[in-house]
Amino acid sequence: MTTAKDQAKTEVWGYTIERTAKRMKQVYQRMLKAENTGITVDQWVVLQLLDEQDGLSQLEIAERTNKDAPTITRIIDLLDKKKLCERQVDPDDRRRFSICLTSEGKLKIKEVKPIVRKFRKKGWEGLAEKDLSQLMRTLDKIYHNLEV
């Protein structure tokens, strides 16, 4: 049986995680804007994924970024308009497109990576490696507990 005290704790913990995630995205976005990168955090997430594995389909990108298909379509449309990625018809299935980085997209990744490192360094400031390891284990456990 859940007590009122237990319920209050879980609400505080949930609020703290949500508040931190929101702050991280806000600061990340501010840093990208301050450096005139011309991209958003969500666009960076897609570029970074393509840097790791170029040629994914829109559906694969949606699944790996935990975003819905219409959102990914809009992000890819914007990245395509900025000439950072392009859709290429899959030779085995003409209904499927592979999303590939352009040379401009690869340059953008090189430009943005130092900003990402600076952002992460700021966020991890004052935390010992063991603290970060425990945080990763905890967040991974929460993430997997919520699998659908």
C-alpha atoms as a PDB file:
ATOM      1  CA  MET A   1       0.000   0.000   0.000  1.00  0.00           C
ATOM      2  CA  THR A   2       1.328   3.410  -0.971  1.00  0.00           C
ATOM      3  CA  THR A   3       1.419   5.987   1.784  1.00  0.00           C
ATOM      4  CA  ALA A   4       0.937   9.713   1.310  1.00  0.00           C
ATOM      5  CA  LYS A   5       4.615  10.175   2.194  1.00  0.00           C
ATOM      6  CA  ASP A   6       5.708   7.693  -0.515  1.00  0.00           C
ATOM      7  CA  GLN A   7       3.433   9.371  -3.039  1.00  0.00           C
ATOM      8  CA  ALA A   8       4.867  12.797  -2.186  1.00  0.00           C
ATOM      9  CA  LYS A   9       8.428  11.461  -2.684  1.00  0.00           C
ATOM     10  CA  THR A  10       7.658  10.028  -6.107  1.00  0.00           C
ATOM     11  CA  GLU A  11       6.050  13.313  -7.151  1.00  0.00           C
ATOM     12  CA  VAL A  12       9.131  15.276  -6.072  1.00  0.00           C
ATOM     13  CA  TRP A  13      11.478  12.820  -7.826  1.00  0.00           C
ATOM     14  CA  GLY A  14       9.420  12.927 -11.012  1.00  0.00           C
ATOM     15  CA  TYR A  15       9.267  16.707 -10.930  1.00  0.00           C
ATOM     16  CA  THR A  16      13.040  16.929 -10.399  1.00  0.00           C
ATOM     17  CA  ILE A  17      13.798  14.686 -13.382  1.00  0.00           C
ATOM     18  CA  GLU A  18      11.319  16.547 -15.630  1.00  0.00           C
ATOM     19  CA  ARG A  19      12.605  19.950 -14.472  1.00  0.00           C
ATOM     20  CA  THR A  20      16.211  18.926 -15.127  1.00  0.00           C
ATOM     21  CA  ALA A  21      15.431  17.550 -18.587  1.00  0.00           C
ATOM     22  CA  LYS A  22      13.641  20.773 -19.498  1.00  0.00           C
ATOM     23  CA  ARG A  23      16.493  22.951 -18.185  1.00  0.00           C
ATOM     24  CA  MET A  24      19.029  20.868 -20.108  1.00  0.00           C
ATOM     25  CA  LYS A  25      17.150  21.340 -23.371  1.00  0.00           C
ATOM     26  CA  GLN A  26      16.728  25.101 -22.751  1.00  0.00           C
ATOM     27  CA  VAL A  27      20.430  25.650 -22.014  1.00  0.00           C
ATOM     28  CA  TYR A  28      21.456  23.412 -24.915  1.00  0.00           C
ATOM     29  CA  GLN A  29      19.226  25.426 -27.267  1.00  0.00           C
ATOM     30  CA  ARG A  30      20.578  28.737 -25.952  1.00  0.00           C
ATOM     31  CA  MET A  31      24.140  27.578 -26.555  1.00  0.00           C
ATOM     32  CA  LEU A  32      23.343  26.458 -30.109  1.00  0.00           C
ATOM     33  CA  LYS A  33      21.674  29.814 -30.778  1.00  0.00           C
ATOM     34  CA  ALA A  34      24.475  31.864 -29.170  1.00  0.00           C
ATOM     35  CA  GLU A  35      26.992  30.149 -31.447  1.00  0.00           C
ATOM     36  CA  ASN A  36      24.808  30.870 -34.522  1.00  0.00           C
ATOM     37  CA  THR A  37      24.634  27.214 -35.508  1.00  0.00           C
ATOM     38  CA  GLY A  38      21.284  27.671 -37.238  1.00  0.00           C
ATOM     39  CA  ILE A  39      19.927  24.417 -35.828  1.00  0.00           C
ATOM     40  CA  THR A  40      17.778  23.340 -32.902  1.00  0.00           C
ATOM     41  CA  VAL A  41      18.428  20.639 -30.317  1.00  0.00           C
ATOM     42  CA  ASP A  42      15.964  18.324 -32.091  1.00  0.00           C
ATOM     43  CA  GLN A  43      17.708  18.896 -35.420  1.00  0.00           C
ATOM     44  CA  TRP A  44      21.068  18.184 -33.754  1.00  0.00           C
ATOM     45  CA  VAL A  45      19.750  14.879 -32.387  1.00  0.00           C
ATOM     46  CA  VAL A  46      18.898  13.758 -35.928  1.00  0.00           C
ATOM     47  CA  LEU A  47      22.219  14.981 -37.362  1.00  0.00           C
ATOM     48  CA  GLN A  48      24.132  13.222 -34.597  1.00  0.00           C
ATOM     49  CA  LEU A  49      22.234   9.983 -35.248  1.00  0.00           C
ATOM     50  CA  LEU A  50      22.993  10.208 -38.977  1.00  0.00           C
ATOM     51  CA  ASP A  51      26.635  10.852 -38.133  1.00  0.00           C
ATOM     52  CA  GLU A  52      26.647   7.555 -36.246  1.00  0.00           C
ATOM     53  CA  GLN A  53      24.670   5.656 -38.906  1.00  0.00           C
ATOM     54  CA  ASP A  54      24.035   7.435 -42.170  1.00  0.00           C
ATOM     55  CA  GLY A  55      21.280   6.259 -44.482  1.00  0.00           C
ATOM     56  CA  LEU A  56      18.589   5.404 -41.952  1.00  0.00           C
ATOM     57  CA  SER A  57      14.930   5.567 -42.950  1.00  0.00           C
ATOM     58  CA  GLN A  58      12.608   8.160 -41.432  1.00  0.00           C
ATOM     59  CA  LEU A  59      10.926   5.396 -39.434  1.00  0.00           C
ATOM     60  CA  GLU A  60      14.275   4.210 -38.028  1.00  0.00           C
ATOM     61  CA  ILE A  61      15.157   7.790 -37.084  1.00  0.00           C
ATOM     62  CA  ALA A  62      11.784   8.221 -35.370  1.00  0.00           C
ATOM     63  CA  GLU A  63      12.234   5.004 -33.380  1.00  0.00           C
ATOM     64  CA  ARG A  64      15.804   5.782 -32.313  1.00  0.00           C
ATOM     65  CA  THR A  65      15.031   9.361 -31.270  1.00  0.00           C
ATOM     66  CA  ASN A  66      11.727   8.501 -29.563  1.00  0.00           C
ATOM     67  CA  LYS A  67       9.857  10.995 -31.726  1.00  0.00           C
ATOM     68  CA  ASP A  68       6.712  10.469 -33.765  1.00  0.00           C
ATOM     69  CA  ALA A  69       6.836  10.180 -37.566  1.00  0.00           C
ATOM     70  CA  PRO A  70       5.257  13.606 -38.333  1.00  0.00           C
ATOM     71  CA  THR A  71       7.802  15.346 -36.075  1.00  0.00           C
ATOM     72  CA  ILE A  72      10.704  13.556 -37.767  1.00  0.00           C
ATOM     73  CA  THR A  73       9.303  14.439 -41.181  1.00  0.00           C
ATOM     74  CA  ARG A  74       9.256  18.138 -40.218  1.00  0.00           C
ATOM     75  CA  ILE A  75      12.795  17.974 -38.818  1.00  0.00           C
ATOM     76  CA  ILE A  76      14.105  16.230 -41.941  1.00  0.00           C
ATOM     77  CA  ASP A  77      12.280  18.734 -44.168  1.00  0.00           C
ATOM     78  CA  LEU A  78      14.041  21.573 -42.315  1.00  0.00           C
ATOM     79  CA  LEU A  79      17.442  19.861 -42.460  1.00  0.00           C
ATOM     80  CA  ASP A  80      16.917  19.174 -46.159  1.00  0.00           C
ATOM     81  CA  LYS A  81      15.997  22.816 -46.758  1.00  0.00           C
ATOM     82  CA  LYS A  82      19.215  23.814 -44.959  1.00  0.00           C
ATOM     83  CA  LYS A  83      21.067  21.331 -47.201  1.00  0.00           C
ATOM     84  CA  LEU A  84      22.336  19.372 -44.193  1.00  0.00           C
ATOM     85  CA  CYS A  85      20.759  16.076 -45.233  1.00  0.00           C
ATOM     86  CA  GLU A  86      18.919  14.661 -48.209  1.00  0.00           C
ATOM     87  CA  ARG A  87      16.465  11.919 -48.996  1.00  0.00           C
ATOM     88  CA  GLN A  88      17.726   9.226 -51.324  1.00  0.00           C
ATOM     89  CA  VAL A  89      15.444   6.629 -52.869  1.00  0.00           C
ATOM     90  CA  ASP A  90      16.209   3.138 -51.608  1.00  0.00           C
ATOM     91  CA  PRO A  91      17.194   1.049 -54.664  1.00  0.00           C
ATOM     92  CA  ASP A  92      15.453  -2.022 -53.160  1.00  0.00           C
ATOM     93  CA  ASP A  93      12.197  -0.239 -52.237  1.00  0.00           C
ATOM     94  CA  ARG A  94      11.240   2.928 -54.120  1.00  0.00           C
ATOM     95  CA  ARG A  95       8.663   3.782 -51.414  1.00  0.00           C
ATOM     96  CA  ARG A  96      11.446   4.029 -48.827  1.00  0.00           C
ATOM     97  CA  PHE A  97      13.942   6.856 -48.510  1.00  0.00           C
ATOM     98  CA  SER A  98      17.333   6.750 -46.877  1.00  0.00           C
ATOM     99  CA  ILE A  99      18.242   9.957 -45.068  1.00  0.00           C
ATOM    100  CA  CYS A 100      21.861  10.843 -45.731  1.00  0.00           C
ATOM    101  CA  LEU A 101      24.124  13.629 -44.546  1.00  0.00           C
ATOM    102  CA  THR A 102      25.355  16.072 -47.152  1.00  0.00           C
ATOM    103  CA  SER A 103      28.882  17.466 -47.115  1.00  0.00           C
ATOM    104  CA  GLU A 104      27.376  20.595 -45.496  1.00  0.00           C
ATOM    105  CA  GLY A 105      25.763  18.351 -42.869  1.00  0.00           C
ATOM    106  CA  LYS A 106      29.120  16.745 -42.058  1.00  0.00           C
ATOM    107  CA  LEU A 107      30.656  20.209 -41.677  1.00  0.00           C
ATOM    108  CA  LYS A 108      27.788  21.244 -39.388  1.00  0.00           C
ATOM    109  CA  ILE A 109      28.480  18.231 -37.177  1.00  0.00           C
ATOM    110  CA  LYS A 110      32.145  19.235 -36.862  1.00  0.00           C
ATOM    111  CA  GLU A 111      31.033  22.785 -36.009  1.00  0.00           C
ATOM    112  CA  VAL A 112      28.514  21.727 -33.365  1.00  0.00           C
ATOM    113  CA  LYS A 113      30.401  18.912 -31.586  1.00  0.00           C
ATOM    114  CA  PRO A 114      32.591  21.305 -29.545  1.00  0.00           C
ATOM    115  CA  ILE A 115      29.438  23.146 -28.412  1.00  0.00           C
ATOM    116  CA  VAL A 116      27.913  19.825 -27.333  1.00  0.00           C
ATOM    117  CA  ARG A 117      31.060  18.943 -25.385  1.00  0.00           C
ATOM    118  CA  LYS A 118      31.003  22.372 -23.703  1.00  0.00           C
ATOM    119  CA  PHE A 119      27.323  21.920 -22.793  1.00  0.00           C
ATOM    120  CA  ARG A 120      27.925  18.482 -21.302  1.00  0.00           C
ATOM    121  CA  LYS A 121      31.011  19.642 -19.414  1.00  0.00           C
ATOM    122  CA  LYS A 122      28.929  22.457 -17.869  1.00  0.00           C
ATOM    123  CA  GLY A 123      26.169  20.045 -16.868  1.00  0.00           C
ATOM    124  CA  TRP A 124      28.532  17.485 -15.353  1.00  0.00           C
ATOM    125  CA  GLU A 125      30.535  20.127 -13.468  1.00  0.00           C
ATOM    126  CA  GLY A 126      31.310  19.063  -9.907  1.00  0.00           C
ATOM    127  CA  LEU A 127      30.132  15.483 -10.384  1.00  0.00           C
ATOM    128  CA  ALA A 128      32.513  12.596  -9.791  1.00  0.00           C
ATOM    129  CA  GLU A 129      32.687   9.805 -12.348  1.00  0.00           C
ATOM    130  CA  LYS A 130      31.071   7.409  -9.841  1.00  0.00           C
ATOM    131  CA  ASP A 131      28.163   9.863  -9.442  1.00  0.00           C
ATOM    132  CA  LEU A 132      27.687  10.028 -13.202  1.00  0.00           C
ATOM    133  CA  SER A 133      27.886   6.233 -13.482  1.00  0.00           C
ATOM    134  CA  GLN A 134      25.209   5.854 -10.808  1.00  0.00           C
ATOM    135  CA  LEU A 135      23.074   8.497 -12.510  1.00  0.00           C
ATOM    136  CA  MET A 136      23.348   6.638 -15.832  1.00  0.00           C
ATOM    137  CA  ARG A 137      22.356   3.337 -14.202  1.00  0.00           C
ATOM    138  CA  THR A 138      19.403   4.994 -12.477  1.00  0.00           C
ATOM    139  CA  LEU A 139      18.146   6.807 -15.575  1.00  0.00           C
ATOM    140  CA  ASP A 140      18.567   3.660 -17.703  1.00  0.00           C
ATOM    141  CA  LYS A 141      16.554   1.683 -15.146  1.00  0.00           C
ATOM    142  CA  ILE A 142      13.759   4.272 -15.194  1.00  0.00           C
ATOM    143  CA  TYR A 143      13.829   4.313 -19.006  1.00  0.00           C
ATOM    144  CA  HIS A 144      13.558   0.514 -19.230  1.00  0.00           C
ATOM    145  CA  ASN A 145      10.851   0.388 -16.562  1.00  0.00           C
ATOM    146  CA  LEU A 146       8.729   2.552 -18.860  1.00  0.00           C
ATOM    147  CA  GLU A 147       9.100   0.452 -22.015  1.00  0.00           C
ATOM    148  CA  VAL A 148       5.833  -0.082 -23.824  1.00  0.00           C
END
